[in-house]
Amino acid sequence: MGDNMTSVTEFILLGFPLNTRTQMLLFGLFSQFYVLTLLGNGVILGLISLDSRLHTPMYFFLSHLAIVDMAYACSTVPQMLVNLLSPAKPISFAGCITQTFLFLTFAVTECLLLVVMSYDRYVAICHPLRYSVIVSWRVCIMLVVTSWTTGVLLSLVHLVLLIPLPFCMTQKIDHFFCEIMAVLKLACADTHINELMVLAGAVSVLVGPFSSVIISYVCIFRAILRLQSGEGQSKAFSTCSSHLCVVGLFYGTAIIMYVGPRYGNPKEQKKYLLLFHSLFNPMLNPLIYTLKNSEVKNAMKRVLGIKSFMKG
């Protein structure tokens, strides 16, 4: 094995086995999706900052979710676009490790932010009279800082275990970015501890939090059904359904990829799932919150009204 090991300085990302014409078509399509992701989440951020009616804990958390979604897409999509144009262009070892770290950081942070947002909705609907006390601005800031810090620290643990590994001469990563499990397959050493830590981390930030989100929403829907006002029920369902759609998309694909069964040959399937997870999820989130949330739609109308008045 010692003859097969080398000091790796770069990797080649194999991406998707497609012909040149299809790669050019996907480059154009994914470029548009990437722009829509940045634009959509940027619009959400702009609306929250410009409209004082959205200066509430719920939209404070949503603004951080938009930031994470943009960063999440930026950590993987640009490299994928480069690979579609130049499939043989390598990525440096440092760049690959950095991409792995950033992807894990933003993924874990988004998991925790979605839990925080479900807790916010739980308190708002099940304990409305105590909402301002329980979800104070100090608590909001603490929850957001904890989410970001946990994301960074958990990613550092994986990084510390990954960097010392010796890598074989085969430097081709069978993925469209430096996904941690794909990188581990190139190591010329026992990676059971690394894989166990990835599984443990996935369970801790996916299964546990997702279970708490489900429990929260069971309580939320029971509280909504007890509301006397039909308008109150409609508003509560509208707000919660958008968040529930985002939770389902994010946790569903992530659990299948990192916690689901590993029998058969799911490698290509999981690659496409991760493509959906890293490209389409961040693009769909602002659309879901805009189309399903009346407050966001009204804020957009107010902001556009102000702009048209200023132009006139």
C-alpha atoms as a PDB file:
ATOM      1  CA  MET A   1       0.000   0.000   0.000  1.00  0.00           C
ATOM      2  CA  GLY A   2       2.906   2.301   0.682  1.00  0.00           C
ATOM      3  CA  ASP A   3       3.769   2.311  -3.049  1.00  0.00           C
ATOM      4  CA  ASN A   4       0.265   3.484  -3.897  1.00  0.00           C
ATOM      5  CA  MET A   5       0.271   6.439  -1.509  1.00  0.00           C
ATOM      6  CA  THR A   6       1.379   9.886  -2.553  1.00  0.00           C
ATOM      7  CA  SER A   7       1.329  13.433  -1.308  1.00  0.00           C
ATOM      8  CA  VAL A   8      -1.873  14.559  -3.004  1.00  0.00           C
ATOM      9  CA  THR A   9      -1.898  18.179  -4.167  1.00  0.00           C
ATOM     10  CA  GLU A  10      -5.049  18.121  -6.285  1.00  0.00           C
ATOM     11  CA  PHE A  11      -8.155  16.110  -7.176  1.00  0.00           C
ATOM     12  CA  ILE A  12     -10.242  15.710 -10.315  1.00  0.00           C
ATOM     13  CA  LEU A  13     -14.004  15.814  -9.874  1.00  0.00           C
ATOM     14  CA  LEU A  14     -15.666  13.371 -12.264  1.00  0.00           C
ATOM     15  CA  GLY A  15     -19.088  14.994 -11.956  1.00  0.00           C
ATOM     16  CA  PHE A  16     -21.710  13.395 -14.207  1.00  0.00           C
ATOM     17  CA  PRO A  17     -20.772  11.052 -17.095  1.00  0.00           C
ATOM     18  CA  LEU A  18     -22.362  13.054 -19.917  1.00  0.00           C
ATOM     19  CA  ASN A  19     -21.501  14.032 -23.455  1.00  0.00           C
ATOM     20  CA  THR A  20     -20.221  17.523 -24.257  1.00  0.00           C
ATOM     21  CA  ARG A  21     -23.518  18.803 -25.661  1.00  0.00           C
ATOM     22  CA  THR A  22     -25.451  17.747 -22.562  1.00  0.00           C
ATOM     23  CA  GLN A  23     -22.814  19.306 -20.320  1.00  0.00           C
ATOM     24  CA  MET A  24     -23.160  22.646 -22.134  1.00  0.00           C
ATOM     25  CA  LEU A  25     -26.943  22.439 -21.829  1.00  0.00           C
ATOM     26  CA  LEU A  26     -26.704  21.721 -18.103  1.00  0.00           C
ATOM     27  CA  PHE A  27     -24.179  24.528 -17.673  1.00  0.00           C
ATOM     28  CA  GLY A  28     -26.674  27.033 -19.059  1.00  0.00           C
ATOM     29  CA  LEU A  29     -29.563  25.574 -17.059  1.00  0.00           C
ATOM     30  CA  PHE A  30     -27.703  25.332 -13.752  1.00  0.00           C
ATOM     31  CA  SER A  31     -26.252  28.827 -14.226  1.00  0.00           C
ATOM     32  CA  GLN A  32     -29.796  30.191 -14.428  1.00  0.00           C
ATOM     33  CA  PHE A  33     -30.836  28.212 -11.333  1.00  0.00           C
ATOM     34  CA  TYR A  34     -27.799  29.553  -9.479  1.00  0.00           C
ATOM     35  CA  VAL A  35     -28.661  33.150 -10.381  1.00  0.00           C
ATOM     36  CA  LEU A  36     -32.286  32.553  -9.324  1.00  0.00           C
ATOM     37  CA  THR A  37     -31.076  31.155  -5.997  1.00  0.00           C
ATOM     38  CA  LEU A  38     -28.989  34.242  -5.249  1.00  0.00           C
ATOM     39  CA  LEU A  39     -31.674  36.592  -6.544  1.00  0.00           C
ATOM     40  CA  GLY A  40     -34.558  34.919  -4.703  1.00  0.00           C
ATOM     41  CA  ASN A  41     -32.800  34.764  -1.355  1.00  0.00           C
ATOM     42  CA  GLY A  42     -31.472  38.280  -1.905  1.00  0.00           C
ATOM     43  CA  VAL A  43     -35.045  39.505  -2.412  1.00  0.00           C
ATOM     44  CA  ILE A  44     -36.092  37.846   0.868  1.00  0.00           C
ATOM     45  CA  LEU A  45     -33.215  39.577   2.670  1.00  0.00           C
ATOM     46  CA  GLY A  46     -34.058  42.901   1.041  1.00  0.00           C
ATOM     47  CA  LEU A  47     -37.746  42.697   1.971  1.00  0.00           C
ATOM     48  CA  ILE A  48     -36.960  41.846   5.587  1.00  0.00           C
ATOM     49  CA  SER A  49     -34.502  44.729   5.907  1.00  0.00           C
ATOM     50  CA  LEU A  50     -36.725  47.305   4.124  1.00  0.00           C
ATOM     51  CA  ASP A  51     -40.121  46.484   5.653  1.00  0.00           C
ATOM     52  CA  SER A  52     -40.353  47.260   9.378  1.00  0.00           C
ATOM     53  CA  ARG A  53     -43.381  44.947   9.723  1.00  0.00           C
ATOM     54  CA  LEU A  54     -41.068  42.027   9.061  1.00  0.00           C
ATOM     55  CA  HIS A  55     -38.691  42.979  11.870  1.00  0.00           C
ATOM     56  CA  THR A  56     -39.890  40.090  14.020  1.00  0.00           C
ATOM     57  CA  PRO A  57     -38.146  36.960  15.348  1.00  0.00           C
ATOM     58  CA  MET A  58     -39.717  34.760  12.666  1.00  0.00           C
ATOM     59  CA  TYR A  59     -38.285  36.853   9.837  1.00  0.00           C
ATOM     60  CA  PHE A  60     -35.002  37.346  11.676  1.00  0.00           C
ATOM     61  CA  PHE A  61     -34.579  33.553  11.509  1.00  0.00           C
ATOM     62  CA  LEU A  62     -35.764  33.539   7.895  1.00  0.00           C
ATOM     63  CA  SER A  63     -33.117  36.123   6.968  1.00  0.00           C
ATOM     64  CA  HIS A  64     -30.397  33.852   8.348  1.00  0.00           C
ATOM     65  CA  LEU A  65     -31.900  30.914   6.457  1.00  0.00           C
ATOM     66  CA  ALA A  66     -31.651  32.986   3.268  1.00  0.00           C
ATOM     67  CA  ILE A  67     -27.987  33.782   4.029  1.00  0.00           C
ATOM     68  CA  VAL A  68     -27.241  30.092   4.621  1.00  0.00           C
ATOM     69  CA  ASP A  69     -29.027  29.087   1.408  1.00  0.00           C
ATOM     70  CA  MET A  70     -26.947  31.532  -0.641  1.00  0.00           C
ATOM     71  CA  ALA A  71     -23.724  30.399   1.032  1.00  0.00           C
ATOM     72  CA  TYR A  72     -24.781  26.744   0.674  1.00  0.00           C
ATOM     73  CA  ALA A  73     -25.223  27.138  -3.077  1.00  0.00           C
ATOM     74  CA  CYS A  74     -21.995  29.160  -3.416  1.00  0.00           C
ATOM     75  CA  SER A  75     -19.989  26.397  -1.740  1.00  0.00           C
ATOM     76  CA  THR A  76     -20.807  23.784  -4.411  1.00  0.00           C
ATOM     77  CA  VAL A  77     -22.460  25.191  -7.557  1.00  0.00           C
ATOM     78  CA  PRO A  78     -19.582  27.362  -8.945  1.00  0.00           C
ATOM     79  CA  GLN A  79     -17.203  24.380  -8.882  1.00  0.00           C
ATOM     80  CA  MET A  80     -19.847  22.220 -10.557  1.00  0.00           C
ATOM     81  CA  LEU A  81     -20.239  24.818 -13.321  1.00  0.00           C
ATOM     82  CA  VAL A  82     -16.455  24.904 -13.820  1.00  0.00           C
ATOM     83  CA  ASN A  83     -16.437  21.102 -14.129  1.00  0.00           C
ATOM     84  CA  LEU A  84     -19.191  21.195 -16.756  1.00  0.00           C
ATOM     85  CA  LEU A  85     -17.066  23.557 -18.869  1.00  0.00           C
ATOM     86  CA  SER A  86     -13.699  21.886 -18.176  1.00  0.00           C
ATOM     87  CA  PRO A  87     -14.221  18.326 -16.864  1.00  0.00           C
ATOM     88  CA  ALA A  88     -10.487  17.650 -16.591  1.00  0.00           C
ATOM     89  CA  LYS A  89      -9.680  20.805 -14.617  1.00  0.00           C
ATOM     90  CA  PRO A  90      -8.430  19.768 -11.149  1.00  0.00           C
ATOM     91  CA  ILE A  91      -9.250  21.275  -7.788  1.00  0.00           C
ATOM     92  CA  SER A  92      -6.408  21.757  -5.306  1.00  0.00           C
ATOM     93  CA  PHE A  93      -6.239  19.679  -2.133  1.00  0.00           C
ATOM     94  CA  ALA A  94      -6.674  22.819  -0.004  1.00  0.00           C
ATOM     95  CA  GLY A  95      -9.613  23.940  -2.149  1.00  0.00           C
ATOM     96  CA  CYS A  96     -11.234  20.522  -1.878  1.00  0.00           C
ATOM     97  CA  ILE A  97     -10.880  20.389   1.909  1.00  0.00           C
ATOM     98  CA  THR A  98     -12.196  23.961   2.188  1.00  0.00           C
ATOM     99  CA  GLN A  99     -15.229  23.062   0.077  1.00  0.00           C
ATOM    100  CA  THR A 100     -15.936  20.046   2.275  1.00  0.00           C
ATOM    101  CA  PHE A 101     -15.720  22.201   5.395  1.00  0.00           C
ATOM    102  CA  LEU A 102     -17.976  24.948   4.028  1.00  0.00           C
ATOM    103  CA  PHE A 103     -20.589  22.507   2.743  1.00  0.00           C
ATOM    104  CA  LEU A 104     -20.795  20.717   6.105  1.00  0.00           C
ATOM    105  CA  THR A 105     -20.901  24.012   8.010  1.00  0.00           C
ATOM    106  CA  PHE A 106     -23.789  25.436   6.006  1.00  0.00           C
ATOM    107  CA  ALA A 107     -25.669  22.117   5.953  1.00  0.00           C
ATOM    108  CA  VAL A 108     -25.514  21.698   9.747  1.00  0.00           C
ATOM    109  CA  THR A 109     -26.376  25.359  10.311  1.00  0.00           C
ATOM    110  CA  GLU A 110     -29.445  25.084   8.085  1.00  0.00           C
ATOM    111  CA  CYS A 111     -30.588  21.940   9.921  1.00  0.00           C
ATOM    112  CA  LEU A 112     -30.460  23.770  13.238  1.00  0.00           C
ATOM    113  CA  LEU A 113     -32.042  26.976  11.898  1.00  0.00           C
ATOM    114  CA  LEU A 114     -35.026  24.977  10.651  1.00  0.00           C
ATOM    115  CA  VAL A 115     -35.447  23.539  14.157  1.00  0.00           C
ATOM    116  CA  VAL A 116     -35.218  27.036  15.638  1.00  0.00           C
ATOM    117  CA  MET A 117     -37.862  28.284  13.225  1.00  0.00           C
ATOM    118  CA  SER A 118     -40.221  25.449  14.127  1.00  0.00           C
ATOM    119  CA  TYR A 119     -39.714  26.254  17.827  1.00  0.00           C
ATOM    120  CA  ASP A 120     -40.542  29.889  17.083  1.00  0.00           C
ATOM    121  CA  ARG A 121     -43.808  28.853  15.370  1.00  0.00           C
ATOM    122  CA  TYR A 122     -44.611  26.473  18.244  1.00  0.00           C
ATOM    123  CA  VAL A 123     -44.301  29.230  20.835  1.00  0.00           C
ATOM    124  CA  ALA A 124     -46.176  31.768  18.669  1.00  0.00           C
ATOM    125  CA  ILE A 125     -49.192  29.487  18.176  1.00  0.00           C
ATOM    126  CA  CYS A 126     -49.267  27.364  21.333  1.00  0.00           C
ATOM    127  CA  HIS A 127     -48.179  30.074  23.814  1.00  0.00           C
ATOM    128  CA  PRO A 128     -49.113  33.394  22.121  1.00  0.00           C
ATOM    129  CA  LEU A 129     -49.470  35.395  25.359  1.00  0.00           C
ATOM    130  CA  ARG A 130     -45.935  34.512  26.467  1.00  0.00           C
ATOM    131  CA  TYR A 131     -44.344  34.725  23.003  1.00  0.00           C
ATOM    132  CA  SER A 132     -42.559  38.059  23.478  1.00  0.00           C
ATOM    133  CA  VAL A 133     -41.113  36.851  26.781  1.00  0.00           C
ATOM    134  CA  ILE A 134     -40.009  33.383  25.629  1.00  0.00           C
ATOM    135  CA  VAL A 135     -38.724  34.433  22.182  1.00  0.00           C
ATOM    136  CA  SER A 136     -37.034  37.681  23.143  1.00  0.00           C
ATOM    137  CA  TRP A 137     -34.431  39.288  20.889  1.00  0.00           C
ATOM    138  CA  ARG A 138     -31.715  38.100  23.252  1.00  0.00           C
ATOM    139  CA  VAL A 139     -32.954  34.507  22.872  1.00  0.00           C
ATOM    140  CA  CYS A 140     -33.176  34.930  19.075  1.00  0.00           C
ATOM    141  CA  ILE A 141     -29.571  36.075  18.806  1.00  0.00           C
ATOM    142  CA  MET A 142     -28.422  33.277  21.119  1.00  0.00           C
ATOM    143  CA  LEU A 143     -30.243  30.618  19.042  1.00  0.00           C
ATOM    144  CA  VAL A 144     -28.787  31.909  15.758  1.00  0.00           C
ATOM    145  CA  VAL A 145     -25.250  32.173  17.156  1.00  0.00           C
ATOM    146  CA  THR A 146     -25.563  28.645  18.574  1.00  0.00           C
ATOM    147  CA  SER A 147     -26.690  27.303  15.186  1.00  0.00           C
ATOM    148  CA  TRP A 148     -23.751  28.876  13.346  1.00  0.00           C
ATOM    149  CA  THR A 149     -21.221  27.903  16.036  1.00  0.00           C
ATOM    150  CA  THR A 150     -22.411  24.294  16.128  1.00  0.00           C
ATOM    151  CA  GLY A 151     -22.147  24.098  12.348  1.00  0.00           C
ATOM    152  CA  VAL A 152     -18.565  25.333  12.394  1.00  0.00           C
ATOM    153  CA  LEU A 153     -17.474  23.108  15.298  1.00  0.00           C
ATOM    154  CA  LEU A 154     -18.999  19.889  13.935  1.00  0.00           C
ATOM    155  CA  SER A 155     -17.408  20.560  10.548  1.00  0.00           C
ATOM    156  CA  LEU A 156     -14.033  21.150  12.202  1.00  0.00           C
ATOM    157  CA  VAL A 157     -14.272  17.723  13.862  1.00  0.00           C
ATOM    158  CA  HIS A 158     -14.670  16.054  10.452  1.00  0.00           C
ATOM    159  CA  LEU A 159     -11.880  18.201   9.032  1.00  0.00           C
ATOM    160  CA  VAL A 160      -9.438  17.261  11.811  1.00  0.00           C
ATOM    161  CA  LEU A 161     -10.124  13.569  11.139  1.00  0.00           C
ATOM    162  CA  LEU A 162      -9.908  13.952   7.353  1.00  0.00           C
ATOM    163  CA  ILE A 163      -6.720  15.981   6.810  1.00  0.00           C
ATOM    164  CA  PRO A 164      -4.198  13.500   8.339  1.00  0.00           C
ATOM    165  CA  LEU A 165      -5.407  10.612   6.139  1.00  0.00           C
ATOM    166  CA  PRO A 166      -2.987   9.353   3.452  1.00  0.00           C
ATOM    167  CA  PHE A 167      -4.501   9.347  -0.042  1.00  0.00           C
ATOM    168  CA  CYS A 168      -3.893   6.857  -2.835  1.00  0.00           C
ATOM    169  CA  MET A 169      -2.512   7.754  -6.237  1.00  0.00           C
ATOM    170  CA  THR A 170      -6.027   7.633  -7.687  1.00  0.00           C
ATOM    171  CA  GLN A 171      -7.102  11.259  -7.368  1.00  0.00           C
ATOM    172  CA  LYS A 172     -10.477  11.093  -9.121  1.00  0.00           C
ATOM    173  CA  ILE A 173     -13.477  11.926  -6.917  1.00  0.00           C
ATOM    174  CA  ASP A 174     -16.678  10.357  -8.209  1.00  0.00           C
ATOM    175  CA  HIS A 175     -18.806  13.410  -7.446  1.00  0.00           C
ATOM    176  CA  PHE A 176     -19.522  16.945  -8.646  1.00  0.00           C
ATOM    177  CA  PHE A 177     -17.950  18.486  -5.530  1.00  0.00           C
ATOM    178  CA  CYS A 178     -15.753  17.383  -2.614  1.00  0.00           C
ATOM    179  CA  GLU A 179     -18.445  15.565  -0.674  1.00  0.00           C
ATOM    180  CA  ILE A 180     -16.922  14.032   2.446  1.00  0.00           C
ATOM    181  CA  MET A 181     -17.890  10.401   1.787  1.00  0.00           C
ATOM    182  CA  ALA A 182     -16.587  10.601  -1.787  1.00  0.00           C
ATOM    183  CA  VAL A 183     -13.267  12.023  -0.551  1.00  0.00           C
ATOM    184  CA  LEU A 184     -12.932   9.325   2.125  1.00  0.00           C
ATOM    185  CA  LYS A 185     -13.107   6.617  -0.557  1.00  0.00           C
ATOM    186  CA  LEU A 186      -9.726   7.797  -1.908  1.00  0.00           C
ATOM    187  CA  ALA A 187      -7.947   7.337   1.423  1.00  0.00           C
ATOM    188  CA  CYS A 188      -5.362   4.544   1.681  1.00  0.00           C
ATOM    189  CA  ALA A 189      -6.159   3.944   5.335  1.00  0.00           C
ATOM    190  CA  ASP A 190      -8.928   2.668   7.565  1.00  0.00           C
ATOM    191  CA  THR A 191     -11.735   5.250   7.460  1.00  0.00           C
ATOM    192  CA  HIS A 192     -14.209   3.481   9.749  1.00  0.00           C
ATOM    193  CA  ILE A 193     -13.834   6.155  12.439  1.00  0.00           C
ATOM    194  CA  ASN A 194     -14.451   8.907   9.874  1.00  0.00           C
ATOM    195  CA  GLU A 195     -17.503   7.139   8.483  1.00  0.00           C
ATOM    196  CA  LEU A 196     -18.812   6.474  11.975  1.00  0.00           C
ATOM    197  CA  MET A 197     -18.425  10.160  12.850  1.00  0.00           C
ATOM    198  CA  VAL A 198     -20.260  11.170   9.650  1.00  0.00           C
ATOM    199  CA  LEU A 199     -23.121   8.816  10.544  1.00  0.00           C
ATOM    200  CA  ALA A 200     -23.178   9.991  14.171  1.00  0.00           C
ATOM    201  CA  GLY A 201     -23.151  13.621  13.060  1.00  0.00           C
ATOM    202  CA  ALA A 202     -25.944  12.972  10.554  1.00  0.00           C
ATOM    203  CA  VAL A 203     -28.094  11.289  13.198  1.00  0.00           C
ATOM    204  CA  SER A 204     -27.467  14.079  15.715  1.00  0.00           C
ATOM    205  CA  VAL A 205     -28.309  16.947  13.336  1.00  0.00           C
ATOM    206  CA  LEU A 206     -30.922  15.207  11.179  1.00  0.00           C
ATOM    207  CA  VAL A 207     -32.898  12.474  12.944  1.00  0.00           C
ATOM    208  CA  GLY A 208     -33.052  14.108  16.390  1.00  0.00           C
ATOM    209  CA  PRO A 209     -33.918  17.630  15.194  1.00  0.00           C
ATOM    210  CA  PHE A 210     -36.355  16.313  12.562  1.00  0.00           C
ATOM    211  CA  SER A 211     -38.181  14.354  15.271  1.00  0.00           C
ATOM    212  CA  SER A 212     -38.443  17.496  17.394  1.00  0.00           C
ATOM    213  CA  VAL A 213     -39.816  19.423  14.392  1.00  0.00           C
ATOM    214  CA  ILE A 214     -42.486  16.763  13.834  1.00  0.00           C
ATOM    215  CA  ILE A 215     -43.479  16.835  17.517  1.00  0.00           C
ATOM    216  CA  SER A 216     -43.637  20.643  17.416  1.00  0.00           C
ATOM    217  CA  TYR A 217     -45.919  20.594  14.392  1.00  0.00           C
ATOM    218  CA  VAL A 218     -48.223  17.999  15.909  1.00  0.00           C
ATOM    219  CA  CYS A 219     -48.720  20.413  18.822  1.00  0.00           C
ATOM    220  CA  ILE A 220     -49.046  23.351  16.426  1.00  0.00           C
ATOM    221  CA  PHE A 221     -51.762  21.744  14.292  1.00  0.00           C
ATOM    222  CA  ARG A 222     -53.692  20.687  17.377  1.00  0.00           C
ATOM    223  CA  ALA A 223     -53.557  24.296  18.605  1.00  0.00           C
ATOM    224  CA  ILE A 224     -54.607  25.634  15.180  1.00  0.00           C
ATOM    225  CA  LEU A 225     -57.643  23.350  15.060  1.00  0.00           C
ATOM    226  CA  ARG A 226     -58.745  24.718  18.426  1.00  0.00           C
ATOM    227  CA  LEU A 227     -58.746  28.312  17.140  1.00  0.00           C
ATOM    228  CA  GLN A 228     -62.229  29.800  16.900  1.00  0.00           C
ATOM    229  CA  SER A 229     -61.434  32.307  14.160  1.00  0.00           C
ATOM    230  CA  GLY A 230     -61.384  30.959  10.605  1.00  0.00           C
ATOM    231  CA  GLU A 231     -59.109  33.830   9.579  1.00  0.00           C
ATOM    232  CA  GLY A 232     -56.698  32.967  12.395  1.00  0.00           C
ATOM    233  CA  GLN A 233     -56.625  29.336  11.290  1.00  0.00           C
ATOM    234  CA  SER A 234     -55.969  30.338   7.688  1.00  0.00           C
ATOM    235  CA  LYS A 235     -53.099  32.686   8.635  1.00  0.00           C
ATOM    236  CA  ALA A 236     -51.510  30.105  10.947  1.00  0.00           C
ATOM    237  CA  PHE A 237     -51.758  27.343   8.322  1.00  0.00           C
ATOM    238  CA  SER A 238     -50.299  29.661   5.663  1.00  0.00           C
ATOM    239  CA  THR A 239     -47.289  30.558   7.819  1.00  0.00           C
ATOM    240  CA  CYS A 240     -46.618  27.025   9.021  1.00  0.00           C
ATOM    241  CA  SER A 241     -47.193  25.227   5.712  1.00  0.00           C
ATOM    242  CA  SER A 242     -44.396  27.188   4.008  1.00  0.00           C
ATOM    243  CA  HIS A 243     -41.933  26.261   6.739  1.00  0.00           C
ATOM    244  CA  LEU A 244     -43.132  22.648   6.728  1.00  0.00           C
ATOM    245  CA  CYS A 245     -42.528  22.398   2.962  1.00  0.00           C
ATOM    246  CA  VAL A 246     -38.952  23.647   3.403  1.00  0.00           C
ATOM    247  CA  VAL A 247     -38.366  21.236   6.310  1.00  0.00           C
ATOM    248  CA  GLY A 248     -39.690  18.297   4.296  1.00  0.00           C
ATOM    249  CA  LEU A 249     -37.508  19.064   1.279  1.00  0.00           C
ATOM    250  CA  PHE A 250     -34.330  19.629   3.276  1.00  0.00           C
ATOM    251  CA  TYR A 251     -34.556  16.866   5.875  1.00  0.00           C
ATOM    252  CA  GLY A 252     -36.091  14.333   3.490  1.00  0.00           C
ATOM    253  CA  THR A 253     -33.234  14.405   0.991  1.00  0.00           C
ATOM    254  CA  ALA A 254     -30.536  14.729   3.690  1.00  0.00           C
ATOM    255  CA  ILE A 255     -31.788  11.731   5.707  1.00  0.00           C
ATOM    256  CA  ILE A 256     -31.958   9.556   2.574  1.00  0.00           C
ATOM    257  CA  MET A 257     -28.369  10.505   1.669  1.00  0.00           C
ATOM    258  CA  TYR A 258     -26.634  10.135   5.031  1.00  0.00           C
ATOM    259  CA  VAL A 259     -28.841   8.001   7.259  1.00  0.00           C
ATOM    260  CA  GLY A 260     -30.789   5.854   4.780  1.00  0.00           C
ATOM    261  CA  PRO A 261     -29.961   2.218   3.916  1.00  0.00           C
ATOM    262  CA  ARG A 262     -26.763   1.568   1.968  1.00  0.00           C
ATOM    263  CA  TYR A 263     -27.729  -1.643   0.167  1.00  0.00           C
ATOM    264  CA  GLY A 264     -27.775  -1.947  -3.640  1.00  0.00           C
ATOM    265  CA  ASN A 265     -25.966   0.608  -5.793  1.00  0.00           C
ATOM    266  CA  PRO A 266     -27.370   3.970  -4.643  1.00  0.00           C
ATOM    267  CA  LYS A 267     -24.217   5.965  -5.498  1.00  0.00           C
ATOM    268  CA  GLU A 268     -25.602   7.656  -8.615  1.00  0.00           C
ATOM    269  CA  GLN A 269     -29.029   8.138  -7.029  1.00  0.00           C
ATOM    270  CA  LYS A 270     -27.513   9.860  -4.009  1.00  0.00           C
ATOM    271  CA  LYS A 271     -25.387  12.035  -6.291  1.00  0.00           C
ATOM    272  CA  TYR A 272     -28.534  13.338  -7.987  1.00  0.00           C
ATOM    273  CA  LEU A 273     -30.247  13.728  -4.621  1.00  0.00           C
ATOM    274  CA  LEU A 274     -27.332  15.833  -3.429  1.00  0.00           C
ATOM    275  CA  LEU A 275     -27.590  17.910  -6.601  1.00  0.00           C
ATOM    276  CA  PHE A 276     -31.237  18.599  -5.726  1.00  0.00           C
ATOM    277  CA  HIS A 277     -30.241  19.274  -2.126  1.00  0.00           C
ATOM    278  CA  SER A 278     -27.510  21.782  -2.924  1.00  0.00           C
ATOM    279  CA  LEU A 279     -28.967  23.478  -6.022  1.00  0.00           C
ATOM    280  CA  PHE A 280     -32.750  23.226  -6.051  1.00  0.00           C
ATOM    281  CA  ASN A 281     -33.502  23.428  -2.308  1.00  0.00           C
ATOM    282  CA  PRO A 282     -31.902  26.888  -1.891  1.00  0.00           C
ATOM    283  CA  MET A 283     -33.686  28.051  -5.047  1.00  0.00           C
ATOM    284  CA  LEU A 284     -37.101  26.727  -3.984  1.00  0.00           C
ATOM    285  CA  ASN A 285     -37.017  28.068  -0.414  1.00  0.00           C
ATOM    286  CA  PRO A 286     -37.621  31.755  -1.275  1.00  0.00           C
ATOM    287  CA  LEU A 287     -40.305  30.751  -3.793  1.00  0.00           C
ATOM    288  CA  ILE A 288     -42.112  28.702  -1.146  1.00  0.00           C
ATOM    289  CA  TYR A 289     -41.950  31.502   1.435  1.00  0.00           C
ATOM    290  CA  THR A 290     -43.089  34.069  -1.127  1.00  0.00           C
ATOM    291  CA  LEU A 291     -45.973  32.069  -2.589  1.00  0.00           C
ATOM    292  CA  LYS A 292     -47.247  30.550   0.658  1.00  0.00           C
ATOM    293  CA  ASN A 293     -46.741  33.489   3.021  1.00  0.00           C
ATOM    294  CA  SER A 294     -49.180  36.399   2.809  1.00  0.00           C
ATOM    295  CA  GLU A 295     -46.979  38.669   4.951  1.00  0.00           C
ATOM    296  CA  VAL A 296     -44.055  38.329   2.547  1.00  0.00           C
ATOM    297  CA  LYS A 297     -46.317  38.938  -0.452  1.00  0.00           C
ATOM    298  CA  ASN A 298     -47.801  42.046   1.211  1.00  0.00           C
ATOM    299  CA  ALA A 299     -44.311  43.301   2.076  1.00  0.00           C
ATOM    300  CA  MET A 300     -43.289  42.891  -1.559  1.00  0.00           C
ATOM    301  CA  LYS A 301     -46.329  44.912  -2.666  1.00  0.00           C
ATOM    302  CA  ARG A 302     -45.500  47.667  -0.168  1.00  0.00           C
ATOM    303  CA  VAL A 303     -41.846  47.856  -1.222  1.00  0.00           C
ATOM    304  CA  LEU A 304     -42.757  47.902  -4.922  1.00  0.00           C
ATOM    305  CA  GLY A 305     -45.376  50.563  -4.173  1.00  0.00           C
ATOM    306  CA  ILE A 306     -42.769  52.754  -2.473  1.00  0.00           C
ATOM    307  CA  LYS A 307     -40.423  52.378  -5.439  1.00  0.00           C
ATOM    308  CA  SER A 308     -43.114  53.262  -7.963  1.00  0.00           C
ATOM    309  CA  PHE A 309     -44.097  56.312  -5.887  1.00  0.00           C
ATOM    310  CA  MET A 310     -40.484  57.484  -5.781  1.00  0.00           C
ATOM    311  CA  LYS A 311     -40.166  57.072  -9.545  1.00  0.00           C
ATOM    312  CA  GLY A 312     -43.337  59.067 -10.093  1.00  0.00           C
END
